[in-house]
Amino acid sequence: MAATRYVAFLRGINVSGHKIIKMEDLRSMFALPGISDVKTYIQSGNVLFSSTQSDESKLTKKLEDHLEKQLSYRVAIILRTMDQLMATIEQNPFTPETLPAGDNRKLSVTFLQTTPDPSKVQDLPTQFGPDELKVVGRDVYIIYKAYSDSKLSNALIEKKLGVAATTRNWATINKMTKLYPNV
């Protein structure tokens, strides 16, 4: 069976001194049967790997359960295949002209663990001050004037949509696609 290349985005680790996990330890925690080629990227909990498991929900549960046993607390994992991550980049609804001064550093994506209820998406504010968001499937694209000051936070998105989520900046997302050759 051919292996699928995945990216696991871990929610809420190594943030403000909470839920600290060394990337070396995280890589070893992903060394499970059926998982190979494990790499991590920066300290925010980005894990690239290959797996023979093609059922995303089963793989997510397996990894979350395993990490909980290792860490003694639950960590939400948002999985994307490399093809899905490439589609996230290609489906970006914001053009360079819509970014403040054309600056990609003002663009982030909040990855949702599951597809949100459409009625909840309609209730999500799409603009708050200078910040704007657009939901495309399981991805929420956000333009921030300043992420740290924004009301369009990961917590707000999770609360409004009722779905586990984690946010990464545009540079990180693009870098992740380059860490595996031939993708």
Protein backbone atom coordinates (compact mmCIF):
# COMPACT_ATOMS: atom_id res chain seq x y z
CA MET A 1 0.00 0.00 0.00
CA ALA A 2 1.35 3.41 -0.96
CA ALA A 3 1.98 5.88 1.81
CA THR A 4 0.26 9.26 1.92
CA ARG A 5 2.20 12.34 2.95
CA TYR A 6 0.56 14.28 5.77
CA VAL A 7 1.05 17.39 7.81
CA ALA A 8 -0.17 17.31 11.41
CA PHE A 9 -0.80 20.73 12.92
CA LEU A 10 -0.88 20.39 16.71
CA ARG A 11 -3.11 22.85 18.49
CA GLY A 12 -1.84 24.90 21.41
CA ILE A 13 1.61 23.47 22.10
CA ASN A 14 4.68 25.57 22.94
CA VAL A 15 2.54 28.70 23.29
CA SER A 16 3.47 31.18 26.04
CA GLY A 17 5.32 28.54 28.03
CA HIS A 18 2.39 26.07 28.08
CA LYS A 19 2.32 22.47 26.88
CA ILE A 20 6.01 22.48 26.06
CA ILE A 21 7.12 19.67 23.75
CA LYS A 22 10.61 19.44 22.31
CA MET A 23 10.51 18.71 18.60
CA GLU A 24 12.96 15.84 19.02
CA ASP A 25 10.53 14.24 21.49
CA LEU A 26 7.56 14.96 19.23
CA ARG A 27 9.27 13.25 16.29
CA SER A 28 9.87 10.15 18.41
CA MET A 29 6.22 10.16 19.56
CA PHE A 30 5.15 9.94 15.91
CA ALA A 31 7.33 6.84 15.38
CA LEU A 32 4.39 4.44 15.27
CA PRO A 33 3.71 1.40 13.06
CA GLY A 34 2.62 2.56 9.61
CA ILE A 35 4.20 6.02 10.02
CA SER A 36 7.54 7.00 8.49
CA ASP A 37 9.61 9.96 7.24
CA VAL A 38 8.76 12.06 10.31
CA LYS A 39 10.00 15.66 10.27
CA THR A 40 9.09 18.68 12.37
CA TYR A 41 9.16 22.31 11.42
CA ILE A 42 9.62 25.09 14.00
CA GLN A 43 8.37 24.85 17.56
CA SER A 44 4.65 25.43 16.99
CA GLY A 45 3.82 21.77 16.42
CA ASN A 46 4.07 21.11 12.71
CA VAL A 47 4.81 17.47 11.89
CA LEU A 48 5.31 16.09 8.40
CA PHE A 49 5.12 12.34 7.93
CA SER A 50 4.06 9.51 5.64
CA SER A 51 1.46 6.95 6.60
CA THR A 52 -0.15 3.90 5.09
CA GLN A 53 -3.38 4.86 6.90
CA SER A 54 -5.65 6.63 4.43
CA ASP A 55 -8.59 7.25 6.79
CA GLU A 56 -7.93 10.72 8.17
CA SER A 57 -10.30 10.46 11.13
CA LYS A 58 -8.84 7.11 12.24
CA LEU A 59 -5.30 8.43 11.88
CA THR A 60 -6.15 11.60 13.82
CA LYS A 61 -7.69 9.60 16.66
CA LYS A 62 -4.73 7.19 16.74
CA LEU A 63 -2.25 10.06 16.98
CA GLU A 64 -4.27 12.07 19.52
CA ASP A 65 -4.74 9.00 21.73
CA HIS A 66 -1.05 8.12 21.51
CA LEU A 67 0.09 11.65 22.33
CA GLU A 68 -2.32 11.81 25.27
CA LYS A 69 -0.74 8.64 26.71
CA GLN A 70 2.74 10.09 26.21
CA LEU A 71 2.01 13.62 27.48
CA SER A 72 -0.79 13.06 30.03
CA TYR A 73 -2.95 15.70 28.32
CA ARG A 74 -4.95 15.82 25.10
CA VAL A 75 -3.64 17.71 22.08
CA ALA A 76 -5.96 18.33 19.13
CA ILE A 77 -4.39 17.41 15.81
CA ILE A 78 -5.54 18.90 12.54
CA LEU A 79 -4.39 16.73 9.63
CA ARG A 80 -3.96 17.64 6.00
CA THR A 81 -2.47 15.61 3.19
CA MET A 82 0.22 17.40 1.23
CA ASP A 83 -2.23 17.60 -1.68
CA GLN A 84 -4.79 19.27 0.61
CA LEU A 85 -2.15 21.70 1.85
CA MET A 86 -1.24 22.58 -1.74
CA ALA A 87 -4.96 23.14 -2.43
CA THR A 88 -5.10 25.48 0.59
CA ILE A 89 -2.41 27.61 -1.06
CA GLU A 90 -4.06 27.49 -4.48
CA GLN A 91 -7.54 28.35 -3.11
CA ASN A 92 -6.41 31.44 -1.22
CA PRO A 93 -9.30 33.87 -1.77
CA PHE A 94 -7.16 36.93 -1.05
CA THR A 95 -5.14 38.45 -3.87
CA PRO A 96 -1.90 40.33 -3.23
CA GLU A 97 -3.87 43.54 -3.83
CA THR A 98 -6.18 42.77 -0.88
CA LEU A 99 -3.28 42.31 1.55
CA PRO A 100 -2.11 45.35 3.52
CA ALA A 101 0.72 46.76 1.36
CA GLY A 102 0.73 43.38 -0.49
CA ASP A 103 2.37 41.82 2.58
CA ASN A 104 1.93 38.00 2.82
CA ARG A 105 3.06 38.21 6.45
CA LYS A 106 -0.38 39.61 7.26
CA LEU A 107 -2.09 36.44 5.97
CA SER A 108 -2.79 33.36 8.07
CA VAL A 109 -4.88 30.23 7.74
CA THR A 110 -6.85 28.66 10.55
CA PHE A 111 -7.08 24.94 9.84
CA LEU A 112 -10.32 23.32 11.03
CA GLN A 113 -10.35 19.71 12.15
CA THR A 114 -13.69 19.03 10.46
CA THR A 115 -15.95 20.85 8.03
CA PRO A 116 -18.09 23.31 10.00
CA ASP A 117 -21.87 23.48 9.91
CA PRO A 118 -22.78 25.98 7.13
CA SER A 119 -25.20 27.82 9.44
CA LYS A 120 -22.37 28.43 11.90
CA VAL A 121 -20.13 29.71 9.11
CA GLN A 122 -22.84 32.25 8.24
CA ASP A 123 -22.82 33.47 11.87
CA LEU A 124 -19.04 33.95 11.93
CA PRO A 125 -18.03 37.61 11.63
CA THR A 126 -16.12 38.16 8.39
CA GLN A 127 -14.72 41.55 9.36
CA PHE A 128 -13.59 43.01 12.64
CA GLY A 129 -11.95 46.39 12.36
CA PRO A 130 -9.18 46.13 9.77
CA ASP A 131 -9.12 42.32 9.92
CA GLU A 132 -11.03 40.13 7.48
CA LEU A 133 -11.67 36.41 7.08
CA LYS A 134 -13.05 34.04 4.47
CA VAL A 135 -13.99 30.39 5.03
CA VAL A 136 -13.20 27.92 2.26
CA GLY A 137 -14.12 24.34 3.26
CA ARG A 138 -12.01 23.43 6.31
CA ASP A 139 -9.75 26.48 5.98
CA VAL A 140 -10.27 29.98 7.32
CA TYR A 141 -8.12 32.57 5.57
CA ILE A 142 -7.49 35.70 7.64
CA ILE A 143 -5.87 39.03 6.88
CA TYR A 144 -4.60 40.64 10.09
CA LYS A 145 -3.37 44.14 10.66
CA ALA A 146 -1.66 42.70 13.77
CA TYR A 147 -2.36 39.09 14.81
CA SER A 148 -1.75 39.78 18.50
CA ASP A 149 -4.38 42.56 18.52
CA SER A 150 -7.01 40.85 16.38
CA LYS A 151 -10.46 39.92 17.60
CA LEU A 152 -10.57 37.24 14.86
CA SER A 153 -8.67 34.82 17.06
CA ASN A 154 -8.34 31.06 16.94
CA ALA A 155 -10.46 30.88 20.13
CA LEU A 156 -13.28 32.91 18.54
CA ILE A 157 -13.27 30.75 15.42
CA GLU A 158 -13.39 27.54 17.50
CA LYS A 159 -16.19 28.92 19.67
CA LYS A 160 -18.32 30.17 16.78
CA LEU A 161 -17.82 27.12 14.55
CA GLY A 162 -17.69 24.44 17.26
CA VAL A 163 -14.65 22.84 15.62
CA ALA A 164 -11.07 22.34 16.86
CA ALA A 165 -8.72 24.66 15.00
CA THR A 166 -5.17 25.93 14.85
CA THR A 167 -3.67 28.87 13.00
CA ARG A 168 -0.46 29.13 10.99
CA ASN A 169 0.98 32.07 9.09
CA TRP A 170 1.31 32.03 5.32
CA ALA A 171 5.10 31.67 5.37
CA THR A 172 4.91 28.54 7.55
CA ILE A 173 2.28 26.96 5.32
CA ASN A 174 4.34 27.57 2.21
CA LYS A 175 7.53 26.30 3.86
CA MET A 176 5.77 23.06 4.87
CA THR A 177 5.08 22.24 1.22
CA LYS A 178 8.78 22.53 0.41
CA LEU A 179 10.07 20.22 3.14
CA TYR A 180 9.24 17.06 1.20
CA PRO A 181 10.94 16.85 -2.18
CA ASN A 182 8.90 15.93 -5.25
CA VAL A 183 5.57 17.03 -3.82
